[in-house]
Amino acid sequence: MVPNAVQAFLHTTGAITDRVMAAMEAADGSGGDSRCTCPDWPTDGAKPAIPCDGKTAHVAYILMAERTDTNGDSHNNGKYAMYLTVAQPGSDRGPNAIKDDENLNPVKTLRMRYDAWRKTQPASFR
């Protein structure tokens, strides 16, 4: 898993955050944390409310800090240029919980959120 993540990071072009996302996806695609799995399908034969494609983590986040950003006492409470996080669904999980139109695999959902954020950046973003 780690060698695949390293290779993805080294061979991806673009901004450092693009390279980090590629490494996270390579780790995810290589098995990630084998303790994390998709839940069983409903026993009534209904389709799950939120798709789950190869879940290999419970949470995922990416953070980008600039020199002028303010650090917190953890990554959760600083003021950063970009901080995207994904938590499992649930009313107690806050605004970063996985939504119905996302994926229970937090790395896949992080990719969706990252791509949306990336589209808001200027073409010169590195």
Protein backbone atom coordinates (compact mmCIF):
# COMPACT_ATOMS: atom_id res chain seq x y z
CA MET A 1 0.00 0.00 0.00
CA VAL A 2 2.66 2.56 0.99
CA PRO A 3 4.88 1.98 -2.08
CA ASN A 4 1.83 2.52 -4.32
CA ALA A 5 0.99 5.76 -2.52
CA VAL A 6 4.58 6.98 -2.87
CA GLN A 7 4.63 6.19 -6.58
CA ALA A 8 1.32 7.96 -7.14
CA PHE A 9 2.62 11.02 -5.29
CA LEU A 10 5.85 11.09 -7.27
CA HIS A 11 4.23 10.56 -10.69
CA THR A 12 1.24 12.89 -10.38
CA THR A 13 1.60 16.36 -11.82
CA GLY A 14 -0.07 19.51 -10.56
CA ALA A 15 -0.33 21.12 -7.17
CA ILE A 16 0.96 19.42 -4.02
CA THR A 17 -2.65 18.84 -3.00
CA ASP A 18 -3.30 17.02 -6.30
CA ARG A 19 -0.36 14.78 -5.56
CA VAL A 20 -1.52 14.09 -1.99
CA MET A 21 -5.01 13.17 -3.24
CA ALA A 22 -3.47 10.79 -5.78
CA ALA A 23 -1.43 9.14 -3.02
CA MET A 24 -4.51 8.77 -0.82
CA GLU A 25 -6.42 7.17 -3.69
CA ALA A 26 -3.53 4.79 -4.40
CA ALA A 27 -3.47 3.73 -0.75
CA ASP A 28 -7.23 3.30 -0.82
CA GLY A 29 -7.06 1.27 -4.04
CA SER A 30 -4.32 -0.89 -2.55
CA GLY A 31 -6.44 -2.01 0.37
CA GLY A 32 -6.17 0.80 2.90
CA ASP A 33 -7.18 -0.34 6.37
CA SER A 34 -8.60 -3.85 6.02
CA ARG A 35 -10.59 -3.42 9.25
CA CYS A 36 -12.89 -0.95 7.44
CA THR A 37 -15.53 -2.55 5.25
CA CYS A 38 -18.83 -1.64 3.64
CA PRO A 39 -21.93 -2.44 5.67
CA ASP A 40 -24.12 -5.35 4.59
CA TRP A 41 -26.93 -4.59 2.16
CA PRO A 42 -30.40 -4.27 3.71
CA THR A 43 -32.02 -7.67 4.22
CA ASP A 44 -35.23 -6.51 2.50
CA GLY A 45 -33.36 -6.35 -0.83
CA ALA A 46 -33.53 -2.57 -1.01
CA LYS A 47 -30.56 -0.65 -2.34
CA PRO A 48 -28.49 1.06 0.38
CA ALA A 49 -29.28 4.76 0.81
CA ILE A 50 -25.61 5.68 0.30
CA PRO A 51 -23.38 3.66 -2.08
CA CYS A 52 -20.28 2.04 -0.65
CA ASP A 53 -17.42 1.28 -3.04
CA GLY A 54 -14.61 -0.62 -1.36
CA LYS A 55 -14.51 1.19 1.97
CA THR A 56 -10.95 1.16 3.37
CA ALA A 57 -11.19 3.95 5.97
CA HIS A 58 -13.73 5.54 8.31
CA VAL A 59 -12.57 9.15 7.89
CA ALA A 60 -10.47 11.12 5.42
CA TYR A 61 -9.17 14.65 5.30
CA ILE A 62 -6.76 16.87 3.44
CA LEU A 63 -5.35 20.12 4.74
CA MET A 64 -3.34 22.82 3.01
CA ALA A 65 -1.72 25.57 5.05
CA GLU A 66 -0.15 28.81 3.91
CA ARG A 67 2.51 30.67 5.88
CA THR A 68 -0.03 33.20 7.08
CA ASP A 69 -2.53 30.59 8.36
CA THR A 70 -3.19 30.21 12.06
CA ASN A 71 -2.45 26.82 13.61
CA GLY A 72 -4.77 25.41 16.21
CA ASP A 73 -3.87 22.90 18.90
CA SER A 74 -4.91 20.22 16.36
CA HIS A 75 -5.73 20.07 12.67
CA ASN A 76 -9.41 20.47 13.53
CA ASN A 77 -9.37 24.02 14.79
CA GLY A 78 -6.78 26.02 12.90
CA LYS A 79 -7.57 28.56 10.19
CA TYR A 80 -6.22 27.01 7.00
CA ALA A 81 -6.27 27.86 3.30
CA MET A 82 -8.03 24.54 2.70
CA TYR A 83 -9.30 21.88 5.07
CA LEU A 84 -11.67 19.24 3.74
CA THR A 85 -12.80 16.42 5.96
CA VAL A 86 -15.18 13.49 5.65
CA ALA A 87 -16.89 11.69 8.53
CA GLN A 88 -19.26 8.74 8.50
CA PRO A 89 -22.96 9.62 8.22
CA GLY A 90 -25.03 10.35 11.28
CA SER A 91 -26.87 13.26 12.83
CA ASP A 92 -24.13 13.60 15.46
CA ARG A 93 -21.29 13.78 12.89
CA GLY A 94 -21.73 17.43 11.96
CA PRO A 95 -21.59 19.13 8.56
CA ASN A 96 -18.75 16.94 7.27
CA ALA A 97 -20.75 13.72 7.48
CA ILE A 98 -21.18 11.74 4.27
CA LYS A 99 -24.36 12.73 2.45
CA ASP A 100 -26.78 10.64 0.37
CA ASP A 101 -25.23 11.69 -2.95
CA GLU A 102 -21.68 10.80 -1.83
CA ASN A 103 -20.01 7.45 -1.00
CA LEU A 104 -19.45 5.59 2.27
CA ASN A 105 -15.82 5.21 1.22
CA PRO A 106 -14.50 8.49 2.68
CA VAL A 107 -11.58 8.65 0.24
CA LYS A 108 -14.01 8.60 -2.70
CA THR A 109 -16.13 11.28 -1.03
CA LEU A 110 -13.02 13.33 -0.25
CA ARG A 111 -12.12 13.16 -3.95
CA MET A 112 -15.56 14.54 -4.88
CA ARG A 113 -15.25 17.36 -2.36
CA TYR A 114 -11.66 18.07 -3.37
CA ASP A 115 -12.60 18.26 -7.06
CA ALA A 116 -15.39 20.72 -6.22
CA TRP A 117 -12.94 22.83 -4.19
CA ARG A 118 -10.28 22.60 -6.89
CA LYS A 119 -12.68 24.03 -9.50
CA THR A 120 -12.88 27.20 -7.40
CA GLN A 121 -9.11 27.75 -7.56
CA PRO A 122 -7.43 29.94 -10.18
CA ALA A 123 -5.73 28.26 -13.13
CA SER A 124 -2.38 29.39 -11.70
CA PHE A 125 -2.93 27.41 -8.46
CA ARG A 126 0.09 25.23 -7.67
